[in-house]
Amino acid sequence: MTHDDHPLEVRHRRAARVLPVNRAGEVLLLLSGEPGRPDVRWWGSAGGGVEAGESVRAAAVRELAEETGLVVAEDALLGPVARTDVEFDWGRWHLVQDQTYFALPLDGISADQVSLAGLEPLEVGTIDRAGWWTPADLDAEGNAVDADLLSIMEVAVSVVRGAVPRVTARVMPVDDAGRVLLLRRRHPTEIGREMWGSVGGEVQPGETLVAAALRELREETGIDASPQDLTGVVHRGAHRHERDGVVHHRHSTVYALPLAGEASSVEVSLAGLEPDEVGNVRGAAWWTPDQMAEAGSGTHDDLPEIMAAAVAAARAPTTGREGHT
């Protein structure tokens, strides 16, 4: 990793980010860039690194005040609504960053009222201005900081409007034949109907995405794996569903797990299910993406596409990624 022919210093850090949302379903974003590169600008959320001894929620409130002048209480934040693990270059650093996103209901503030006066010295000149964006408008603009921002904005808008947020980490074990291990679950609203979905569940406080993915894998299938066994992220996205009249909006991160041999050589056990999953998870089976597309019995419509991405990642020459935590 170099920048202008100089090696970059690698920094691992946690970050907190805030997405204020108004009644029109617009999200307040900042037009920002990398130090020393005024020609590169993108729209992203307010936020930054979590300081030593600081909670993620406290860091989100502090960063929002510094970057926008907006002062809110910690309990005004909703969520978390999303988590991402990303790597990018910023100034002289290569950042390996675990990001937590919160939503914030906010009305009566125009973009012109946002103040950049509290920026840290290192940030002066990297943040230009604020603007209100819908996910659709930002998608059309094509200037989001990354592809994940649009789906996270959708979850933030939904949560401000009353949806229940859920942040999950998921694993798709893949055998040598290109089949993916899926779990058969009870349908959330239709009695007697079942669906197939990926292994995984909610990220607990203090857990990294990878740690949560591996824990869920062990609990739901009995398969033990280590961080370096997983591929990089094969999918991030959001899915909505309604249960008992309540809308739930889930943001998920999905990894693939290449397994040597045929599916018949892999021992799968449901004995480690959490008490609230017993009776909900009914069984496990191996599916190809094409079989799932034909059956149409997945938990969401894009499941076959995510499965195909997992198979491709599992078959790539280098599937592990150093630095998983």
C-alpha atoms as a PDB file:
ATOM      1  CA  MET A   1       0.000   0.000   0.000  1.00  0.00           C
ATOM      2  CA  THR A   2       1.491   3.280  -1.068  1.00  0.00           C
ATOM      3  CA  HIS A   3       0.332   6.843  -1.540  1.00  0.00           C
ATOM      4  CA  ASP A   4       2.474   9.127  -3.704  1.00  0.00           C
ATOM      5  CA  ASP A   5       5.223   6.465  -3.534  1.00  0.00           C
ATOM      6  CA  HIS A   6       5.288   6.511   0.291  1.00  0.00           C
ATOM      7  CA  PRO A   7       4.156   3.489   2.367  1.00  0.00           C
ATOM      8  CA  LEU A   8       0.958   4.106   4.301  1.00  0.00           C
ATOM      9  CA  GLU A   9       0.664   3.488   8.025  1.00  0.00           C
ATOM     10  CA  VAL A  10      -1.994   0.854   8.758  1.00  0.00           C
ATOM     11  CA  ARG A  11      -4.450   1.831  11.487  1.00  0.00           C
ATOM     12  CA  HIS A  12      -7.192  -0.377  12.952  1.00  0.00           C
ATOM     13  CA  ARG A  13     -10.013   1.537  14.574  1.00  0.00           C
ATOM     14  CA  ARG A  14     -13.696   1.596  15.442  1.00  0.00           C
ATOM     15  CA  ALA A  15     -15.817   4.377  13.998  1.00  0.00           C
ATOM     16  CA  ALA A  16     -19.291   5.770  14.714  1.00  0.00           C
ATOM     17  CA  ARG A  17     -21.500   7.381  12.077  1.00  0.00           C
ATOM     18  CA  VAL A  18     -24.866   9.211  12.169  1.00  0.00           C
ATOM     19  CA  LEU A  19     -27.573   9.527   9.517  1.00  0.00           C
ATOM     20  CA  PRO A  20     -30.038  12.320  10.395  1.00  0.00           C
ATOM     21  CA  VAL A  21     -33.399  11.774   8.648  1.00  0.00           C
ATOM     22  CA  ASN A  22     -36.189  14.325   8.090  1.00  0.00           C
ATOM     23  CA  ARG A  23     -39.927  13.820   7.535  1.00  0.00           C
ATOM     24  CA  ALA A  24     -39.453  13.792   3.759  1.00  0.00           C
ATOM     25  CA  GLY A  25     -37.229  10.720   4.032  1.00  0.00           C
ATOM     26  CA  GLU A  26     -34.087  12.683   3.203  1.00  0.00           C
ATOM     27  CA  VAL A  27     -30.763  11.952   4.886  1.00  0.00           C
ATOM     28  CA  LEU A  28     -28.260  14.638   5.877  1.00  0.00           C
ATOM     29  CA  LEU A  29     -24.861  13.869   4.312  1.00  0.00           C
ATOM     30  CA  LEU A  30     -21.527  15.663   4.038  1.00  0.00           C
ATOM     31  CA  LEU A  31     -19.531  16.268   0.860  1.00  0.00           C
ATOM     32  CA  SER A  32     -16.052  15.119   1.835  1.00  0.00           C
ATOM     33  CA  GLY A  33     -12.725  14.043   0.442  1.00  0.00           C
ATOM     34  CA  GLU A  34      -9.268  12.773   1.231  1.00  0.00           C
ATOM     35  CA  PRO A  35      -6.609  15.174   2.545  1.00  0.00           C
ATOM     36  CA  GLY A  36      -4.465  16.563  -0.242  1.00  0.00           C
ATOM     37  CA  ARG A  37      -6.813  15.465  -3.031  1.00  0.00           C
ATOM     38  CA  PRO A  38      -9.275  18.312  -3.672  1.00  0.00           C
ATOM     39  CA  ASP A  39     -10.324  16.757  -6.986  1.00  0.00           C
ATOM     40  CA  VAL A  40     -11.938  13.733  -5.303  1.00  0.00           C
ATOM     41  CA  ARG A  41     -15.210  14.375  -3.452  1.00  0.00           C
ATOM     42  CA  TRP A  42     -18.068  12.120  -2.364  1.00  0.00           C
ATOM     43  CA  TRP A  43     -21.184  12.217  -0.186  1.00  0.00           C
ATOM     44  CA  GLY A  44     -20.971  10.331   3.083  1.00  0.00           C
ATOM     45  CA  SER A  45     -22.268  10.322   6.645  1.00  0.00           C
ATOM     46  CA  ALA A  46     -21.048  12.382   9.581  1.00  0.00           C
ATOM     47  CA  GLY A  47     -18.797  10.412  11.877  1.00  0.00           C
ATOM     48  CA  GLY A  48     -15.304   9.331  12.775  1.00  0.00           C
ATOM     49  CA  GLY A  49     -13.083   7.324  15.065  1.00  0.00           C
ATOM     50  CA  VAL A  50     -14.062   6.171  18.557  1.00  0.00           C
ATOM     51  CA  GLU A  51     -11.613   7.545  21.117  1.00  0.00           C
ATOM     52  CA  ALA A  52     -10.058   5.542  23.966  1.00  0.00           C
ATOM     53  CA  GLY A  53     -12.554   4.977  26.775  1.00  0.00           C
ATOM     54  CA  GLU A  54     -15.450   6.270  24.666  1.00  0.00           C
ATOM     55  CA  SER A  55     -18.593   4.303  23.816  1.00  0.00           C
ATOM     56  CA  VAL A  56     -19.622   4.021  20.195  1.00  0.00           C
ATOM     57  CA  ARG A  57     -22.822   5.956  20.881  1.00  0.00           C
ATOM     58  CA  ALA A  58     -20.934   8.740  22.670  1.00  0.00           C
ATOM     59  CA  ALA A  59     -18.496   8.941  19.765  1.00  0.00           C
ATOM     60  CA  ALA A  60     -21.398   9.266  17.312  1.00  0.00           C
ATOM     61  CA  VAL A  61     -22.832  12.219  19.256  1.00  0.00           C
ATOM     62  CA  ARG A  62     -19.422  13.909  19.543  1.00  0.00           C
ATOM     63  CA  GLU A  63     -18.572  13.450  15.853  1.00  0.00           C
ATOM     64  CA  LEU A  64     -21.976  14.786  14.811  1.00  0.00           C
ATOM     65  CA  ALA A  65     -21.435  17.934  16.880  1.00  0.00           C
ATOM     66  CA  GLU A  66     -17.903  18.470  15.561  1.00  0.00           C
ATOM     67  CA  GLU A  67     -18.784  17.974  11.904  1.00  0.00           C
ATOM     68  CA  THR A  68     -22.233  19.600  11.739  1.00  0.00           C
ATOM     69  CA  GLY A  69     -22.708  21.720  14.873  1.00  0.00           C
ATOM     70  CA  LEU A  70     -25.769  19.617  15.772  1.00  0.00           C
ATOM     71  CA  VAL A  71     -25.894  18.754  19.474  1.00  0.00           C
ATOM     72  CA  VAL A  72     -28.120  15.839  20.474  1.00  0.00           C
ATOM     73  CA  ALA A  73     -28.421  13.456  23.406  1.00  0.00           C
ATOM     74  CA  GLU A  74     -27.177   9.886  23.085  1.00  0.00           C
ATOM     75  CA  ASP A  75     -30.676   8.509  23.589  1.00  0.00           C
ATOM     76  CA  ALA A  76     -31.886  10.457  20.538  1.00  0.00           C
ATOM     77  CA  LEU A  77     -29.930   8.076  18.330  1.00  0.00           C
ATOM     78  CA  LEU A  78     -31.816   5.067  16.951  1.00  0.00           C
ATOM     79  CA  GLY A  79     -30.173   1.757  16.297  1.00  0.00           C
ATOM     80  CA  PRO A  80     -27.533   0.703  15.522  1.00  0.00           C
ATOM     81  CA  VAL A  81     -29.009   0.388  12.051  1.00  0.00           C
ATOM     82  CA  ALA A  82     -25.922  -1.052  10.307  1.00  0.00           C
ATOM     83  CA  ARG A  83     -22.352  -2.268  10.758  1.00  0.00           C
ATOM     84  CA  THR A  84     -19.632  -2.448   8.108  1.00  0.00           C
ATOM     85  CA  ASP A  85     -15.976  -3.456   8.119  1.00  0.00           C
ATOM     86  CA  VAL A  86     -14.054  -1.514   5.481  1.00  0.00           C
ATOM     87  CA  GLU A  87     -10.522  -0.644   4.386  1.00  0.00           C
ATOM     88  CA  PHE A  88      -9.549   2.603   2.669  1.00  0.00           C
ATOM     89  CA  ASP A  89      -6.739   5.121   2.314  1.00  0.00           C
ATOM     90  CA  TRP A  90      -7.074   8.482   4.061  1.00  0.00           C
ATOM     91  CA  GLY A  91      -4.136  10.854   4.093  1.00  0.00           C
ATOM     92  CA  ARG A  92      -1.035   8.998   5.242  1.00  0.00           C
ATOM     93  CA  TRP A  93      -3.029   6.085   6.685  1.00  0.00           C
ATOM     94  CA  HIS A  94      -4.553   2.884   5.404  1.00  0.00           C
ATOM     95  CA  LEU A  95      -7.564   2.533   7.701  1.00  0.00           C
ATOM     96  CA  VAL A  96      -9.057  -0.837   8.640  1.00  0.00           C
ATOM     97  CA  GLN A  97     -12.308   0.328  10.146  1.00  0.00           C
ATOM     98  CA  ASP A  98     -15.260  -1.249  11.962  1.00  0.00           C
ATOM     99  CA  GLN A  99     -18.131   1.209  11.488  1.00  0.00           C
ATOM    100  CA  THR A 100     -21.387   1.441  13.443  1.00  0.00           C
ATOM    101  CA  TYR A 101     -24.255   3.522  12.017  1.00  0.00           C
ATOM    102  CA  PHE A 102     -27.084   5.207  13.915  1.00  0.00           C
ATOM    103  CA  ALA A 103     -30.213   6.979  12.647  1.00  0.00           C
ATOM    104  CA  LEU A 104     -31.417  10.305  14.045  1.00  0.00           C
ATOM    105  CA  PRO A 105     -34.873  11.896  13.537  1.00  0.00           C
ATOM    106  CA  LEU A 106     -34.162  15.530  12.644  1.00  0.00           C
ATOM    107  CA  ASP A 107     -36.483  18.195  11.241  1.00  0.00           C
ATOM    108  CA  GLY A 108     -36.353  21.938  10.780  1.00  0.00           C
ATOM    109  CA  ILE A 109     -32.670  22.090   9.845  1.00  0.00           C
ATOM    110  CA  SER A 110     -31.595  23.211   6.387  1.00  0.00           C
ATOM    111  CA  ALA A 111     -28.258  22.243   4.878  1.00  0.00           C
ATOM    112  CA  ASP A 112     -27.182  25.889   5.141  1.00  0.00           C
ATOM    113  CA  GLN A 113     -27.600  25.757   8.926  1.00  0.00           C
ATOM    114  CA  VAL A 114     -25.007  23.025   9.286  1.00  0.00           C
ATOM    115  CA  SER A 115     -21.802  24.395  10.809  1.00  0.00           C
ATOM    116  CA  LEU A 116     -18.333  23.096  10.020  1.00  0.00           C
ATOM    117  CA  ALA A 117     -16.716  25.336  12.636  1.00  0.00           C
ATOM    118  CA  GLY A 118     -16.019  22.461  15.019  1.00  0.00           C
ATOM    119  CA  LEU A 119     -13.944  20.368  12.627  1.00  0.00           C
ATOM    120  CA  GLU A 120     -10.715  18.886  13.898  1.00  0.00           C
ATOM    121  CA  PRO A 121      -7.604  20.541  12.362  1.00  0.00           C
ATOM    122  CA  LEU A 122      -6.935  17.442  10.251  1.00  0.00           C
ATOM    123  CA  GLU A 123     -10.478  17.597   8.829  1.00  0.00           C
ATOM    124  CA  VAL A 124     -10.446  21.272   7.815  1.00  0.00           C
ATOM    125  CA  GLY A 125     -10.570  21.399   4.044  1.00  0.00           C
ATOM    126  CA  THR A 126     -11.756  17.803   3.688  1.00  0.00           C
ATOM    127  CA  ILE A 127     -15.467  18.512   4.354  1.00  0.00           C
ATOM    128  CA  ASP A 128     -17.037  21.061   2.006  1.00  0.00           C
ATOM    129  CA  ARG A 129     -20.727  21.278   2.799  1.00  0.00           C
ATOM    130  CA  ALA A 130     -23.878  19.418   3.848  1.00  0.00           C
ATOM    131  CA  GLY A 131     -26.863  18.323   1.791  1.00  0.00           C
ATOM    132  CA  TRP A 132     -30.137  16.429   2.183  1.00  0.00           C
ATOM    133  CA  TRP A 133     -30.440  13.358  -0.052  1.00  0.00           C
ATOM    134  CA  THR A 134     -32.929  10.566  -0.633  1.00  0.00           C
ATOM    135  CA  PRO A 135     -31.329   7.190  -1.404  1.00  0.00           C
ATOM    136  CA  ALA A 136     -32.840   7.325  -4.917  1.00  0.00           C
ATOM    137  CA  ASP A 137     -31.467  10.798  -5.659  1.00  0.00           C
ATOM    138  CA  LEU A 138     -28.005   9.906  -4.405  1.00  0.00           C
ATOM    139  CA  ASP A 139     -28.054   6.718  -6.460  1.00  0.00           C
ATOM    140  CA  ALA A 140     -28.856   8.799  -9.550  1.00  0.00           C
ATOM    141  CA  GLU A 141     -26.073  11.267  -8.656  1.00  0.00           C
ATOM    142  CA  GLY A 142     -23.607   8.376  -8.464  1.00  0.00           C
ATOM    143  CA  ASN A 143     -21.403  10.099  -5.916  1.00  0.00           C
ATOM    144  CA  ALA A 144     -21.870   8.050  -2.733  1.00  0.00           C
ATOM    145  CA  VAL A 145     -18.770   7.285  -0.681  1.00  0.00           C
ATOM    146  CA  ASP A 146     -19.384   3.561  -1.245  1.00  0.00           C
ATOM    147  CA  ALA A 147     -21.998   1.161  -2.555  1.00  0.00           C
ATOM    148  CA  ASP A 148     -23.156   0.245   0.961  1.00  0.00           C
ATOM    149  CA  LEU A 149     -24.310   3.758   1.870  1.00  0.00           C
ATOM    150  CA  LEU A 150     -27.533   3.577  -0.166  1.00  0.00           C
ATOM    151  CA  SER A 151     -28.885   0.488   1.588  1.00  0.00           C
ATOM    152  CA  ILE A 152     -27.856   1.875   4.987  1.00  0.00           C
ATOM    153  CA  MET A 153     -29.717   5.118   4.201  1.00  0.00           C
ATOM    154  CA  GLU A 154     -32.819   3.058   3.350  1.00  0.00           C
ATOM    155  CA  VAL A 155     -32.656   1.305   6.726  1.00  0.00           C
ATOM    156  CA  ALA A 156     -32.148   4.623   8.560  1.00  0.00           C
ATOM    157  CA  VAL A 157     -35.209   6.163   6.890  1.00  0.00           C
ATOM    158  CA  SER A 158     -37.257   3.065   7.658  1.00  0.00           C
ATOM    159  CA  VAL A 159     -36.187   3.009  11.316  1.00  0.00           C
ATOM    160  CA  VAL A 160     -37.005   6.702  11.824  1.00  0.00           C
ATOM    161  CA  ARG A 161     -40.453   5.882  10.444  1.00  0.00           C
ATOM    162  CA  GLY A 162     -40.942   3.128  13.014  1.00  0.00           C
ATOM    163  CA  ALA A 163     -39.234  -0.022  11.717  1.00  0.00           C
ATOM    164  CA  VAL A 164     -37.252  -2.195  14.125  1.00  0.00           C
ATOM    165  CA  PRO A 165     -33.538  -2.329  13.154  1.00  0.00           C
ATOM    166  CA  ARG A 166     -31.515  -5.528  13.212  1.00  0.00           C
ATOM    167  CA  VAL A 167     -27.833  -5.884  12.359  1.00  0.00           C
ATOM    168  CA  THR A 168     -26.767  -9.408  11.396  1.00  0.00           C
ATOM    169  CA  ALA A 169     -23.667 -11.295  10.280  1.00  0.00           C
ATOM    170  CA  ARG A 170     -24.098 -14.348   8.075  1.00  0.00           C
ATOM    171  CA  VAL A 171     -22.060 -17.220   6.621  1.00  0.00           C
ATOM    172  CA  MET A 172     -22.596 -19.295   3.478  1.00  0.00           C
ATOM    173  CA  PRO A 173     -20.636 -22.574   3.696  1.00  0.00           C
ATOM    174  CA  VAL A 174     -19.795 -23.779   0.162  1.00  0.00           C
ATOM    175  CA  ASP A 175     -18.783 -27.328  -0.780  1.00  0.00           C
ATOM    176  CA  ASP A 176     -16.583 -28.428  -3.687  1.00  0.00           C
ATOM    177  CA  ALA A 177     -19.642 -28.960  -5.887  1.00  0.00           C
ATOM    178  CA  GLY A 178     -20.692 -25.314  -5.549  1.00  0.00           C
ATOM    179  CA  ARG A 179     -23.554 -25.997  -3.154  1.00  0.00           C
ATOM    180  CA  VAL A 180     -24.425 -23.661  -0.281  1.00  0.00           C
ATOM    181  CA  LEU A 181     -25.615 -24.807   3.141  1.00  0.00           C
ATOM    182  CA  LEU A 182     -28.954 -23.173   3.980  1.00  0.00           C
ATOM    183  CA  LEU A 183     -31.321 -23.492   6.935  1.00  0.00           C
ATOM    184  CA  ARG A 184     -35.051 -24.189   6.757  1.00  0.00           C
ATOM    185  CA  ARG A 185     -36.951 -21.716   8.913  1.00  0.00           C
ATOM    186  CA  ARG A 186     -40.519 -20.981   9.889  1.00  0.00           C
ATOM    187  CA  HIS A 187     -42.158 -18.222   7.835  1.00  0.00           C
ATOM    188  CA  PRO A 188     -42.571 -15.120  10.070  1.00  0.00           C
ATOM    189  CA  THR A 189     -46.213 -14.495   9.109  1.00  0.00           C
ATOM    190  CA  GLU A 190     -47.709 -17.533   7.341  1.00  0.00           C
ATOM    191  CA  ILE A 191     -48.513 -20.483   9.589  1.00  0.00           C
ATOM    192  CA  GLY A 192     -47.272 -23.766   8.140  1.00  0.00           C
ATOM    193  CA  ARG A 193     -45.060 -22.163   5.509  1.00  0.00           C
ATOM    194  CA  GLU A 194     -41.294 -22.589   5.593  1.00  0.00           C
ATOM    195  CA  MET A 195     -38.424 -20.785   3.865  1.00  0.00           C
ATOM    196  CA  TRP A 196     -34.730 -21.329   3.250  1.00  0.00           C
ATOM    197  CA  GLY A 197     -32.164 -18.782   4.388  1.00  0.00           C
ATOM    198  CA  SER A 198     -28.514 -18.340   5.254  1.00  0.00           C
ATOM    199  CA  VAL A 199     -26.781 -19.234   8.497  1.00  0.00           C
ATOM    200  CA  GLY A 200     -26.438 -16.216  10.767  1.00  0.00           C
ATOM    201  CA  GLY A 201     -28.019 -13.868  13.252  1.00  0.00           C
ATOM    202  CA  GLU A 202     -27.774 -10.700  15.265  1.00  0.00           C
ATOM    203  CA  VAL A 203     -24.447  -9.079  16.110  1.00  0.00           C
ATOM    204  CA  GLN A 204     -24.139  -8.716  19.886  1.00  0.00           C
ATOM    205  CA  PRO A 205     -22.754  -5.584  21.611  1.00  0.00           C
ATOM    206  CA  GLY A 206     -18.959  -5.656  21.608  1.00  0.00           C
ATOM    207  CA  GLU A 207     -18.769  -8.301  18.861  1.00  0.00           C
ATOM    208  CA  THR A 208     -17.069  -7.786  15.524  1.00  0.00           C
ATOM    209  CA  LEU A 209     -18.944  -8.845  12.412  1.00  0.00           C
ATOM    210  CA  VAL A 210     -16.579 -11.776  11.836  1.00  0.00           C
ATOM    211  CA  ALA A 211     -16.835 -12.947  15.455  1.00  0.00           C
ATOM    212  CA  ALA A 212     -20.634 -12.825  15.254  1.00  0.00           C
ATOM    213  CA  ALA A 213     -20.641 -14.720  11.948  1.00  0.00           C
ATOM    214  CA  LEU A 214     -18.449 -17.497  13.360  1.00  0.00           C
ATOM    215  CA  ARG A 215     -20.489 -17.744  16.579  1.00  0.00           C
ATOM    216  CA  GLU A 216     -23.748 -18.042  14.641  1.00  0.00           C
ATOM    217  CA  LEU A 217     -22.166 -20.654  12.356  1.00  0.00           C
ATOM    218  CA  ARG A 218     -21.177 -22.734  15.357  1.00  0.00           C
ATOM    219  CA  GLU A 219     -24.541 -22.374  17.115  1.00  0.00           C
ATOM    220  CA  GLU A 220     -26.710 -23.076  14.066  1.00  0.00           C
ATOM    221  CA  THR A 221     -24.682 -25.776  12.295  1.00  0.00           C
ATOM    222  CA  GLY A 222     -22.043 -27.092  14.708  1.00  0.00           C
ATOM    223  CA  ILE A 223     -19.332 -26.127  12.203  1.00  0.00           C
ATOM    224  CA  ASP A 224     -16.230 -24.586  13.809  1.00  0.00           C
ATOM    225  CA  ALA A 225     -14.188 -22.184  11.705  1.00  0.00           C
ATOM    226  CA  SER A 226     -11.588 -19.489  12.312  1.00  0.00           C
ATOM    227  CA  PRO A 227     -11.480 -15.938  10.921  1.00  0.00           C
ATOM    228  CA  GLN A 228      -8.917 -16.762   8.248  1.00  0.00           C
ATOM    229  CA  ASP A 229     -11.188 -19.511   6.893  1.00  0.00           C
ATOM    230  CA  LEU A 230     -13.768 -16.963   5.744  1.00  0.00           C
ATOM    231  CA  THR A 231     -13.619 -15.116   2.464  1.00  0.00           C
ATOM    232  CA  GLY A 232     -14.009 -11.373   2.395  1.00  0.00           C
ATOM    233  CA  VAL A 233     -17.498  -9.876   2.381  1.00  0.00           C
ATOM    234  CA  VAL A 234     -19.551 -11.321  -0.489  1.00  0.00           C
ATOM    235  CA  HIS A 235     -22.657  -9.215   0.122  1.00  0.00           C
ATOM    236  CA  ARG A 236     -23.984  -6.355   2.202  1.00  0.00           C
ATOM    237  CA  GLY A 237     -27.571  -5.282   2.000  1.00  0.00           C
ATOM    238  CA  ALA A 238     -30.909  -4.660   3.646  1.00  0.00           C
ATOM    239  CA  HIS A 239     -34.139  -6.631   3.732  1.00  0.00           C
ATOM    240  CA  ARG A 240     -37.541  -5.720   5.168  1.00  0.00           C
ATOM    241  CA  HIS A 241     -40.157  -8.043   6.536  1.00  0.00           C
ATOM    242  CA  GLU A 242     -43.251  -7.731   8.721  1.00  0.00           C
ATOM    243  CA  ARG A 243     -43.996  -9.875  11.745  1.00  0.00           C
ATOM    244  CA  ASP A 244     -47.084  -9.491  13.964  1.00  0.00           C
ATOM    245  CA  GLY A 245     -47.803  -6.128  12.366  1.00  0.00           C
ATOM    246  CA  VAL A 246     -44.305  -4.778  13.065  1.00  0.00           C
ATOM    247  CA  VAL A 247     -41.895  -3.901  10.246  1.00  0.00           C
ATOM    248  CA  HIS A 248     -38.348  -5.160  10.750  1.00  0.00           C
ATOM    249  CA  HIS A 249     -35.486  -3.821   8.632  1.00  0.00           C
ATOM    250  CA  ARG A 250     -32.336  -5.921   8.709  1.00  0.00           C
ATOM    251  CA  HIS A 251     -28.888  -4.924   7.487  1.00  0.00           C
ATOM    252  CA  SER A 252     -26.659  -7.947   6.881  1.00  0.00           C
ATOM    253  CA  THR A 253     -23.041  -8.704   6.091  1.00  0.00           C
ATOM    254  CA  VAL A 254     -22.431 -12.064   4.407  1.00  0.00           C
ATOM    255  CA  TYR A 255     -19.192 -14.077   4.194  1.00  0.00           C
ATOM    256  CA  ALA A 256     -18.488 -17.345   2.395  1.00  0.00           C
ATOM    257  CA  LEU A 257     -16.787 -20.360   3.975  1.00  0.00           C
ATOM    258  CA  PRO A 258     -15.097 -22.749   1.516  1.00  0.00           C
ATOM    259  CA  LEU A 259     -15.307 -26.345   2.770  1.00  0.00           C
ATOM    260  CA  ALA A 260     -13.196 -29.118   1.295  1.00  0.00           C
ATOM    261  CA  GLY A 261     -15.033 -32.140  -0.069  1.00  0.00           C
ATOM    262  CA  GLU A 262     -18.644 -32.885  -0.913  1.00  0.00           C
ATOM    263  CA  ALA A 263     -21.571 -31.881   1.264  1.00  0.00           C
ATOM    264  CA  SER A 264     -21.879 -35.449   2.540  1.00  0.00           C
ATOM    265  CA  SER A 265     -18.481 -35.084   4.246  1.00  0.00           C
ATOM    266  CA  VAL A 266     -19.644 -32.121   6.354  1.00  0.00           C
ATOM    267  CA  GLU A 267     -21.294 -32.915   9.676  1.00  0.00           C
ATOM    268  CA  VAL A 268     -24.131 -30.466  10.402  1.00  0.00           C
ATOM    269  CA  SER A 269     -25.750 -30.251  13.840  1.00  0.00           C
ATOM    270  CA  LEU A 270     -28.612 -28.090  15.121  1.00  0.00           C
ATOM    271  CA  ALA A 271     -27.906 -29.032  18.739  1.00  0.00           C
ATOM    272  CA  GLY A 272     -26.370 -25.648  19.562  1.00  0.00           C
ATOM    273  CA  LEU A 273     -29.415 -23.543  18.665  1.00  0.00           C
ATOM    274  CA  GLU A 274     -30.354 -20.756  21.062  1.00  0.00           C
ATOM    275  CA  PRO A 275     -33.643 -21.390  22.947  1.00  0.00           C
ATOM    276  CA  ASP A 276     -35.554 -18.834  20.852  1.00  0.00           C
ATOM    277  CA  GLU A 277     -34.384 -20.558  17.637  1.00  0.00           C
ATOM    278  CA  VAL A 278     -35.530 -24.040  18.630  1.00  0.00           C
ATOM    279  CA  GLY A 279     -38.664 -24.722  16.604  1.00  0.00           C
ATOM    280  CA  ASN A 280     -37.883 -21.842  14.252  1.00  0.00           C
ATOM    281  CA  VAL A 281     -34.938 -23.561  12.520  1.00  0.00           C
ATOM    282  CA  ARG A 282     -36.347 -26.838  11.204  1.00  0.00           C
ATOM    283  CA  GLY A 283     -33.428 -28.339   9.276  1.00  0.00           C
ATOM    284  CA  ALA A 284     -30.503 -27.816   6.907  1.00  0.00           C
ATOM    285  CA  ALA A 285     -29.759 -28.751   3.291  1.00  0.00           C
ATOM    286  CA  TRP A 286     -27.307 -27.991   0.473  1.00  0.00           C
ATOM    287  CA  TRP A 287     -28.553 -25.981  -2.512  1.00  0.00           C
ATOM    288  CA  THR A 288     -27.055 -24.660  -5.708  1.00  0.00           C
ATOM    289  CA  PRO A 289     -27.984 -21.080  -6.628  1.00  0.00           C
ATOM    290  CA  ASP A 290     -29.905 -22.367  -9.666  1.00  0.00           C
ATOM    291  CA  GLN A 291     -31.915 -24.816  -7.553  1.00  0.00           C
ATOM    292  CA  MET A 292     -32.890 -22.037  -5.142  1.00  0.00           C
ATOM    293  CA  ALA A 293     -33.829 -19.694  -8.011  1.00  0.00           C
ATOM    294  CA  GLU A 294     -36.086 -22.395  -9.467  1.00  0.00           C
ATOM    295  CA  ALA A 295     -37.671 -23.286  -6.104  1.00  0.00           C
ATOM    296  CA  GLY A 296     -38.319 -19.653  -5.165  1.00  0.00           C
ATOM    297  CA  SER A 297     -38.497 -20.564  -1.492  1.00  0.00           C
ATOM    298  CA  GLY A 298     -35.781 -18.272  -0.133  1.00  0.00           C
ATOM    299  CA  THR A 299     -36.196 -15.784   2.670  1.00  0.00           C
ATOM    300  CA  HIS A 300     -35.720 -12.986   0.113  1.00  0.00           C
ATOM    301  CA  ASP A 301     -35.711 -12.687  -3.677  1.00  0.00           C
ATOM    302  CA  ASP A 302     -32.000 -12.001  -4.109  1.00  0.00           C
ATOM    303  CA  LEU A 303     -30.885 -15.079  -2.132  1.00  0.00           C
ATOM    304  CA  PRO A 304     -29.792 -16.982  -5.297  1.00  0.00           C
ATOM    305  CA  GLU A 305     -27.637 -14.017  -6.375  1.00  0.00           C
ATOM    306  CA  ILE A 306     -25.952 -13.859  -2.965  1.00  0.00           C
ATOM    307  CA  MET A 307     -25.393 -17.618  -3.065  1.00  0.00           C
ATOM    308  CA  ALA A 308     -23.760 -17.277  -6.497  1.00  0.00           C
ATOM    309  CA  ALA A 309     -21.451 -14.564  -5.132  1.00  0.00           C
ATOM    310  CA  ALA A 310     -20.505 -16.847  -2.223  1.00  0.00           C
ATOM    311  CA  VAL A 311     -19.722 -19.734  -4.588  1.00  0.00           C
ATOM    312  CA  ALA A 312     -17.555 -17.470  -6.744  1.00  0.00           C
ATOM    313  CA  ALA A 313     -15.675 -16.196  -3.690  1.00  0.00           C
ATOM    314  CA  ALA A 314     -15.156 -19.720  -2.364  1.00  0.00           C
ATOM    315  CA  ARG A 315     -13.699 -20.824  -5.712  1.00  0.00           C
ATOM    316  CA  ALA A 316     -11.362 -17.832  -6.034  1.00  0.00           C
ATOM    317  CA  PRO A 317      -7.636 -18.710  -5.836  1.00  0.00           C
ATOM    318  CA  THR A 318      -7.193 -16.804  -2.572  1.00  0.00           C
ATOM    319  CA  THR A 319     -10.196 -17.105  -0.267  1.00  0.00           C
ATOM    320  CA  GLY A 320      -8.821 -16.202   3.141  1.00  0.00           C
ATOM    321  CA  ARG A 321      -8.249 -12.669   4.308  1.00  0.00           C
ATOM    322  CA  GLU A 322      -5.654 -11.820   6.912  1.00  0.00           C
ATOM    323  CA  GLY A 323      -6.730  -9.395   9.587  1.00  0.00           C
ATOM    324  CA  HIS A 324     -10.214 -10.783  10.350  1.00  0.00           C
ATOM    325  CA  THR A 325     -10.982 -10.137  13.994  1.00  0.00           C
END
